[in-house]
N, C-alpha and C. Protein backbone atom coordinates (compact mmCIF):
# COMPACT_ATOMS: atom_id res chain seq x y z
N MET A 1 16.67 -21.16 0.09
CA MET A 1 15.53 -20.54 -0.57
C MET A 1 14.97 -21.53 -1.59
N THR A 2 13.65 -21.64 -1.63
CA THR A 2 13.02 -22.55 -2.58
C THR A 2 13.18 -22.04 -4.01
N ASP A 3 13.04 -22.96 -4.98
CA ASP A 3 13.11 -22.56 -6.39
C ASP A 3 12.03 -21.55 -6.73
N ALA A 4 10.82 -21.74 -6.21
CA ALA A 4 9.71 -20.83 -6.49
C ALA A 4 10.00 -19.44 -5.92
N ARG A 5 10.51 -19.39 -4.71
CA ARG A 5 10.85 -18.10 -4.09
C ARG A 5 11.97 -17.43 -4.89
N SER A 6 12.98 -18.19 -5.27
CA SER A 6 14.09 -17.63 -6.06
C SER A 6 13.60 -17.08 -7.39
N ALA A 7 12.71 -17.81 -8.04
CA ALA A 7 12.17 -17.35 -9.33
C ALA A 7 11.37 -16.06 -9.16
N ALA A 8 10.57 -15.97 -8.11
CA ALA A 8 9.78 -14.76 -7.85
C ALA A 8 10.69 -13.58 -7.54
N THR A 9 11.70 -13.82 -6.73
CA THR A 9 12.64 -12.75 -6.40
C THR A 9 13.37 -12.27 -7.65
N ALA A 10 13.79 -13.20 -8.49
CA ALA A 10 14.49 -12.84 -9.73
C ALA A 10 13.57 -12.06 -10.67
N LEU A 11 12.30 -12.44 -10.75
CA LEU A 11 11.34 -11.74 -11.60
C LEU A 11 11.19 -10.29 -11.14
N ILE A 12 11.02 -10.09 -9.85
CA ILE A 12 10.85 -8.73 -9.32
C ILE A 12 12.13 -7.92 -9.54
N GLN A 13 13.27 -8.53 -9.34
CA GLN A 13 14.54 -7.85 -9.59
C GLN A 13 14.64 -7.43 -11.06
N ARG A 14 14.27 -8.33 -11.99
CA ARG A 14 14.27 -7.99 -13.42
C ARG A 14 13.30 -6.85 -13.72
N TYR A 15 12.16 -6.86 -13.05
CA TYR A 15 11.15 -5.81 -13.22
C TYR A 15 11.79 -4.44 -12.98
N TYR A 16 12.52 -4.32 -11.89
CA TYR A 16 13.14 -3.04 -11.57
C TYR A 16 14.40 -2.78 -12.39
N ASP A 17 15.15 -3.81 -12.74
CA ASP A 17 16.33 -3.61 -13.60
C ASP A 17 15.92 -3.07 -14.96
N THR A 18 14.85 -3.63 -15.54
CA THR A 18 14.41 -3.16 -16.85
C THR A 18 13.79 -1.76 -16.74
N PHE A 19 13.14 -1.48 -15.61
CA PHE A 19 12.62 -0.13 -15.38
C PHE A 19 13.77 0.87 -15.37
N ASN A 20 14.77 0.59 -14.55
CA ASN A 20 15.92 1.51 -14.45
C ASN A 20 16.65 1.64 -15.77
N GLY A 21 16.72 0.57 -16.54
CA GLY A 21 17.43 0.59 -17.82
C GLY A 21 16.64 1.22 -18.96
N GLY A 22 15.38 1.59 -18.70
CA GLY A 22 14.55 2.18 -19.75
C GLY A 22 14.15 1.18 -20.82
N GLU A 23 14.24 -0.10 -20.50
CA GLU A 23 13.93 -1.17 -21.46
C GLU A 23 12.44 -1.49 -21.40
N ARG A 24 11.63 -0.63 -22.00
CA ARG A 24 10.18 -0.74 -21.84
C ARG A 24 9.62 -2.03 -22.43
N SER A 25 10.10 -2.49 -23.56
CA SER A 25 9.60 -3.75 -24.13
C SER A 25 9.91 -4.92 -23.21
N ALA A 26 11.13 -4.97 -22.70
CA ALA A 26 11.51 -6.04 -21.77
C ALA A 26 10.70 -5.94 -20.49
N PHE A 27 10.48 -4.72 -20.02
CA PHE A 27 9.69 -4.48 -18.81
C PHE A 27 8.27 -5.03 -19.01
N LEU A 28 7.65 -4.65 -20.11
CA LEU A 28 6.27 -5.09 -20.37
C LEU A 28 6.17 -6.60 -20.57
N SER A 29 7.25 -7.23 -21.05
CA SER A 29 7.22 -8.68 -21.26
C SER A 29 7.16 -9.45 -19.94
N LEU A 30 7.41 -8.80 -18.83
CA LEU A 30 7.35 -9.43 -17.52
C LEU A 30 5.94 -9.43 -16.94
N LEU A 31 5.00 -8.79 -17.63
CA LEU A 31 3.63 -8.64 -17.14
C LEU A 31 2.68 -9.61 -17.84
N ALA A 32 1.74 -10.15 -17.08
CA ALA A 32 0.66 -10.94 -17.67
C ALA A 32 -0.21 -10.01 -18.52
N ASP A 33 -0.82 -10.56 -19.56
CA ASP A 33 -1.68 -9.74 -20.44
C ASP A 33 -2.81 -9.09 -19.66
N ASP A 34 -3.30 -9.77 -18.62
CA ASP A 34 -4.41 -9.24 -17.83
C ASP A 34 -3.94 -8.65 -16.49
N VAL A 35 -2.73 -8.12 -16.46
CA VAL A 35 -2.15 -7.56 -15.25
C VAL A 35 -3.09 -6.52 -14.64
N VAL A 36 -3.13 -6.49 -13.31
CA VAL A 36 -3.87 -5.48 -12.56
C VAL A 36 -2.83 -4.55 -11.95
N HIS A 37 -2.99 -3.25 -12.17
CA HIS A 37 -2.08 -2.25 -11.64
C HIS A 37 -2.85 -1.35 -10.68
N ASP A 38 -2.54 -1.49 -9.40
CA ASP A 38 -3.15 -0.65 -8.36
C ASP A 38 -2.26 0.57 -8.18
N ILE A 39 -2.75 1.71 -8.64
CA ILE A 39 -1.97 2.95 -8.61
C ILE A 39 -2.07 3.58 -7.23
N ASN A 40 -0.95 4.09 -6.75
CA ASN A 40 -0.91 4.73 -5.44
C ASN A 40 -2.02 5.77 -5.31
N GLN A 41 -2.83 5.65 -4.27
CA GLN A 41 -3.91 6.58 -3.96
C GLN A 41 -4.79 6.86 -5.17
N GLY A 42 -4.97 5.83 -5.99
CA GLY A 42 -5.78 5.99 -7.19
C GLY A 42 -6.59 4.75 -7.46
N CYS A 43 -6.88 4.55 -8.73
CA CYS A 43 -7.73 3.43 -9.14
C CYS A 43 -6.87 2.23 -9.53
N SER A 44 -7.54 1.18 -9.87
CA SER A 44 -6.88 0.01 -10.45
C SER A 44 -7.09 0.06 -11.95
N GLU A 45 -6.02 -0.28 -12.69
CA GLU A 45 -6.11 -0.37 -14.14
C GLU A 45 -5.87 -1.82 -14.53
N TYR A 46 -6.46 -2.22 -15.65
CA TYR A 46 -6.46 -3.62 -16.04
C TYR A 46 -5.88 -3.79 -17.44
N GLY A 47 -4.94 -4.71 -17.55
CA GLY A 47 -4.39 -5.07 -18.84
C GLY A 47 -3.06 -4.42 -19.15
N LYS A 48 -2.31 -5.12 -19.99
CA LYS A 48 -0.96 -4.65 -20.35
C LYS A 48 -1.02 -3.33 -21.14
N SER A 49 -2.04 -3.15 -21.97
CA SER A 49 -2.11 -1.90 -22.74
C SER A 49 -2.34 -0.70 -21.83
N ALA A 50 -3.14 -0.86 -20.78
CA ALA A 50 -3.34 0.22 -19.81
C ALA A 50 -2.04 0.52 -19.07
N PHE A 51 -1.29 -0.53 -18.74
CA PHE A 51 -0.01 -0.33 -18.06
C PHE A 51 0.97 0.38 -18.98
N GLN A 52 0.96 0.04 -20.26
CA GLN A 52 1.84 0.69 -21.21
C GLN A 52 1.51 2.18 -21.32
N ALA A 53 0.23 2.53 -21.35
CA ALA A 53 -0.19 3.94 -21.39
C ALA A 53 0.26 4.67 -20.12
N PHE A 54 0.15 4.00 -18.98
CA PHE A 54 0.62 4.57 -17.72
C PHE A 54 2.13 4.85 -17.81
N LEU A 55 2.90 3.90 -18.32
CA LEU A 55 4.35 4.08 -18.46
C LEU A 55 4.67 5.26 -19.38
N GLN A 56 3.94 5.40 -20.46
CA GLN A 56 4.18 6.50 -21.38
C GLN A 56 3.96 7.85 -20.70
N ARG A 57 2.91 7.95 -19.88
CA ARG A 57 2.66 9.18 -19.12
C ARG A 57 3.78 9.43 -18.12
N MET A 58 4.18 8.36 -17.43
CA MET A 58 5.26 8.50 -16.46
C MET A 58 6.55 8.95 -17.14
N ASP A 59 6.87 8.36 -18.27
CA ASP A 59 8.10 8.71 -18.99
C ASP A 59 8.06 10.16 -19.49
N ARG A 60 6.87 10.65 -19.81
CA ARG A 60 6.73 12.03 -20.26
C ARG A 60 6.91 13.02 -19.11
N CYS A 61 6.42 12.66 -17.93
CA CYS A 61 6.38 13.61 -16.81
C CYS A 61 7.51 13.44 -15.80
N TYR A 62 8.13 12.28 -15.74
CA TYR A 62 9.09 11.99 -14.69
C TYR A 62 10.33 11.30 -15.25
N ARG A 63 11.45 11.52 -14.62
CA ARG A 63 12.67 10.72 -14.83
C ARG A 63 12.97 10.10 -13.48
N GLU A 64 12.86 8.78 -13.38
CA GLU A 64 12.99 8.12 -12.08
C GLU A 64 13.96 6.95 -12.14
N GLU A 65 14.58 6.70 -11.00
CA GLU A 65 15.47 5.57 -10.83
C GLU A 65 15.19 4.91 -9.48
N VAL A 66 15.06 3.60 -9.50
CA VAL A 66 14.89 2.82 -8.27
C VAL A 66 16.27 2.64 -7.65
N GLN A 67 16.36 2.94 -6.36
CA GLN A 67 17.63 2.82 -5.63
C GLN A 67 17.39 2.04 -4.34
N GLU A 68 18.42 1.37 -3.88
CA GLU A 68 18.40 0.64 -2.60
C GLU A 68 17.27 -0.38 -2.55
N LEU A 69 17.12 -1.13 -3.60
CA LEU A 69 16.06 -2.11 -3.75
C LEU A 69 16.26 -3.32 -2.84
N VAL A 70 15.21 -3.69 -2.12
CA VAL A 70 15.16 -4.92 -1.33
C VAL A 70 13.94 -5.69 -1.81
N VAL A 71 14.13 -6.95 -2.19
CA VAL A 71 13.05 -7.79 -2.72
C VAL A 71 12.82 -8.97 -1.80
N MET A 72 11.56 -9.30 -1.58
CA MET A 72 11.16 -10.44 -0.76
C MET A 72 10.10 -11.22 -1.52
N ALA A 73 10.00 -12.51 -1.25
CA ALA A 73 8.96 -13.32 -1.90
C ALA A 73 8.50 -14.43 -0.97
N ALA A 74 7.25 -14.82 -1.16
CA ALA A 74 6.68 -15.94 -0.42
C ALA A 74 7.36 -17.23 -0.87
N GLU A 75 7.39 -18.20 0.00
CA GLU A 75 8.05 -19.47 -0.30
C GLU A 75 7.48 -20.14 -1.54
N ASP A 76 6.15 -20.01 -1.75
CA ASP A 76 5.54 -20.65 -2.91
C ASP A 76 5.68 -19.83 -4.20
N GLY A 77 6.27 -18.63 -4.11
CA GLY A 77 6.55 -17.82 -5.28
C GLY A 77 5.35 -17.11 -5.89
N THR A 78 4.21 -17.10 -5.22
CA THR A 78 3.02 -16.48 -5.79
C THR A 78 2.86 -15.02 -5.41
N ARG A 79 3.61 -14.58 -4.41
CA ARG A 79 3.54 -13.18 -4.00
C ARG A 79 4.93 -12.68 -3.65
N GLY A 80 5.11 -11.39 -3.84
CA GLY A 80 6.39 -10.79 -3.51
C GLY A 80 6.20 -9.35 -3.12
N ALA A 81 7.28 -8.76 -2.62
CA ALA A 81 7.25 -7.37 -2.20
C ALA A 81 8.62 -6.75 -2.45
N ALA A 82 8.61 -5.45 -2.58
CA ALA A 82 9.86 -4.71 -2.74
C ALA A 82 9.75 -3.41 -1.96
N GLU A 83 10.86 -3.01 -1.39
CA GLU A 83 10.97 -1.69 -0.78
C GLU A 83 12.18 -1.03 -1.39
N PHE A 84 12.05 0.26 -1.68
CA PHE A 84 13.14 0.97 -2.34
C PHE A 84 12.91 2.46 -2.20
N TYR A 85 13.89 3.22 -2.66
CA TYR A 85 13.74 4.65 -2.81
C TYR A 85 13.63 4.94 -4.29
N ILE A 86 12.76 5.89 -4.61
CA ILE A 86 12.69 6.37 -5.98
C ILE A 86 13.32 7.75 -6.00
N GLN A 87 14.35 7.88 -6.81
CA GLN A 87 15.02 9.18 -7.00
C GLN A 87 14.51 9.71 -8.32
N GLY A 88 13.95 10.92 -8.30
CA GLY A 88 13.33 11.38 -9.52
C GLY A 88 13.45 12.86 -9.78
N ALA A 89 13.03 13.21 -10.99
CA ALA A 89 12.89 14.60 -11.41
C ALA A 89 11.51 14.73 -12.07
N TYR A 90 10.83 15.78 -11.73
CA TYR A 90 9.49 16.07 -12.25
C TYR A 90 9.68 17.02 -13.44
N ILE A 91 9.57 16.50 -14.66
CA ILE A 91 10.01 17.23 -15.84
C ILE A 91 8.88 17.82 -16.68
N ALA A 92 7.66 17.33 -16.52
CA ALA A 92 6.50 17.87 -17.25
C ALA A 92 5.29 17.72 -16.34
N THR A 93 4.44 18.73 -16.32
CA THR A 93 3.31 18.73 -15.40
C THR A 93 2.37 17.57 -15.69
N ASP A 94 2.07 16.83 -14.63
CA ASP A 94 1.13 15.71 -14.69
C ASP A 94 -0.23 16.24 -14.25
N GLU A 95 -1.28 15.82 -14.94
CA GLU A 95 -2.64 16.32 -14.69
C GLU A 95 -3.01 16.19 -13.21
N GLY A 96 -3.52 17.30 -12.64
CA GLY A 96 -3.99 17.32 -11.26
C GLY A 96 -2.89 17.50 -10.22
N LEU A 97 -1.65 17.70 -10.67
CA LEU A 97 -0.53 17.85 -9.74
C LEU A 97 0.11 19.23 -9.94
N PRO A 98 0.96 19.65 -9.01
CA PRO A 98 1.59 20.97 -9.14
C PRO A 98 2.39 21.08 -10.44
N PRO A 99 2.66 22.32 -10.87
CA PRO A 99 3.45 22.52 -12.09
C PRO A 99 4.86 21.93 -11.96
N ALA A 100 5.34 21.38 -13.05
CA ALA A 100 6.69 20.80 -13.09
C ALA A 100 7.69 21.82 -13.59
N THR A 101 8.82 21.89 -12.90
CA THR A 101 9.91 22.77 -13.32
C THR A 101 11.25 22.05 -13.19
N GLY A 102 11.22 20.72 -13.25
CA GLY A 102 12.45 19.96 -13.10
C GLY A 102 12.81 19.65 -11.65
N GLN A 103 11.85 19.83 -10.74
CA GLN A 103 12.11 19.58 -9.33
C GLN A 103 12.57 18.13 -9.11
N THR A 104 13.44 17.94 -8.14
CA THR A 104 13.90 16.60 -7.79
C THR A 104 13.22 16.14 -6.50
N TYR A 105 13.17 14.84 -6.33
CA TYR A 105 12.55 14.26 -5.14
C TYR A 105 13.15 12.89 -4.87
N ARG A 106 12.95 12.44 -3.64
CA ARG A 106 13.38 11.11 -3.22
C ARG A 106 12.32 10.60 -2.25
N LEU A 107 11.74 9.45 -2.59
CA LEU A 107 10.64 8.87 -1.81
C LEU A 107 10.90 7.41 -1.50
N ARG A 108 10.47 6.99 -0.33
CA ARG A 108 10.45 5.57 0.00
C ARG A 108 9.17 4.98 -0.59
N VAL A 109 9.30 3.83 -1.24
CA VAL A 109 8.17 3.19 -1.92
C VAL A 109 8.08 1.74 -1.49
N GLY A 110 6.85 1.26 -1.34
CA GLY A 110 6.59 -0.15 -1.14
C GLY A 110 5.78 -0.67 -2.32
N ALA A 111 6.10 -1.85 -2.78
CA ALA A 111 5.37 -2.45 -3.91
C ALA A 111 5.07 -3.90 -3.58
N PHE A 112 3.91 -4.34 -4.00
CA PHE A 112 3.45 -5.69 -3.72
C PHE A 112 3.04 -6.35 -5.03
N PHE A 113 3.41 -7.61 -5.18
CA PHE A 113 3.23 -8.32 -6.44
C PHE A 113 2.46 -9.61 -6.24
N ASP A 114 1.60 -9.93 -7.20
CA ASP A 114 1.07 -11.27 -7.38
C ASP A 114 1.78 -11.82 -8.61
N ILE A 115 2.15 -13.08 -8.55
CA ILE A 115 2.90 -13.72 -9.63
C ILE A 115 2.16 -14.99 -10.05
N LYS A 116 1.95 -15.12 -11.35
CA LYS A 116 1.25 -16.30 -11.87
C LYS A 116 1.93 -16.70 -13.18
N ASP A 117 2.25 -17.98 -13.30
CA ASP A 117 2.88 -18.51 -14.51
C ASP A 117 4.16 -17.75 -14.89
N GLY A 118 4.90 -17.34 -13.87
CA GLY A 118 6.18 -16.67 -14.10
C GLY A 118 6.09 -15.22 -14.53
N LEU A 119 4.91 -14.62 -14.43
CA LEU A 119 4.70 -13.23 -14.82
C LEU A 119 4.05 -12.45 -13.69
N VAL A 120 4.23 -11.14 -13.69
CA VAL A 120 3.56 -10.27 -12.73
C VAL A 120 2.10 -10.16 -13.14
N SER A 121 1.21 -10.59 -12.25
CA SER A 121 -0.23 -10.51 -12.55
C SER A 121 -0.91 -9.36 -11.80
N ARG A 122 -0.25 -8.84 -10.76
CA ARG A 122 -0.75 -7.67 -10.04
C ARG A 122 0.45 -6.94 -9.46
N ILE A 123 0.42 -5.60 -9.57
CA ILE A 123 1.41 -4.74 -8.92
C ILE A 123 0.66 -3.63 -8.20
N THR A 124 0.96 -3.47 -6.93
CA THR A 124 0.37 -2.43 -6.10
C THR A 124 1.50 -1.59 -5.54
N ASN A 125 1.45 -0.28 -5.76
CA ASN A 125 2.49 0.62 -5.28
C ASN A 125 1.95 1.56 -4.21
N TYR A 126 2.79 1.82 -3.20
CA TYR A 126 2.45 2.76 -2.14
C TYR A 126 3.62 3.68 -1.88
N TYR A 127 3.32 4.97 -1.81
CA TYR A 127 4.29 5.97 -1.36
C TYR A 127 3.50 7.13 -0.78
N ASN A 128 4.20 8.04 -0.13
CA ASN A 128 3.55 9.15 0.54
C ASN A 128 3.40 10.31 -0.44
N LEU A 129 2.22 10.46 -1.02
CA LEU A 129 1.97 11.50 -2.01
C LEU A 129 2.15 12.89 -1.42
N GLN A 130 1.74 13.08 -0.17
CA GLN A 130 1.90 14.40 0.45
C GLN A 130 3.37 14.77 0.60
N ASP A 131 4.22 13.79 0.88
CA ASP A 131 5.66 14.02 0.95
C ASP A 131 6.18 14.43 -0.42
N TRP A 132 5.74 13.73 -1.47
CA TRP A 132 6.16 14.07 -2.83
C TRP A 132 5.75 15.50 -3.17
N ILE A 133 4.50 15.87 -2.88
CA ILE A 133 4.02 17.22 -3.16
C ILE A 133 4.85 18.26 -2.40
N ALA A 134 5.12 18.00 -1.13
CA ALA A 134 5.94 18.93 -0.35
C ALA A 134 7.33 19.08 -0.95
N GLN A 135 7.89 17.99 -1.45
CA GLN A 135 9.22 18.08 -2.06
C GLN A 135 9.20 18.88 -3.37
N VAL A 136 8.19 18.69 -4.20
CA VAL A 136 8.20 19.40 -5.49
C VAL A 136 7.72 20.84 -5.35
N VAL A 137 6.85 21.12 -4.40
CA VAL A 137 6.41 22.50 -4.18
C VAL A 137 7.49 23.30 -3.47
N GLY A 138 8.21 22.63 -2.57
CA GLY A 138 9.26 23.31 -1.81
C GLY A 138 10.58 23.44 -2.53
N SER A 139 10.71 22.83 -3.73
CA SER A 139 11.98 22.87 -4.47
C SER A 139 12.24 24.22 -5.09
């Protein structure tokens, strides 16, 4: 594995390790100031402060853990991908979604990264929202 690929893989691994550990400052330090966040079935948000606000909403409404993480990266280290399961609990109602009552869920997620100067410059997440809704409504 090339040094660039190894560095990209390590960065993505740290991204999820800090997420799982609840280390929000360390997590945010892995992002470029002008990071682009493509939200699943939603809009794109720009900048670290927007990402921080997104994390605060997520922390208020969900308790999640990344499990069974697999990380891949391009040889030149400029792009990467991850596939994993998110194990979660829906603890507070998120705007536009069904009411939260502590329902649990497990979803397969794909994430795609752009990496520049050793930082995440773009993160795009994909999961099946209809599956998530079925899990929380059916709980």
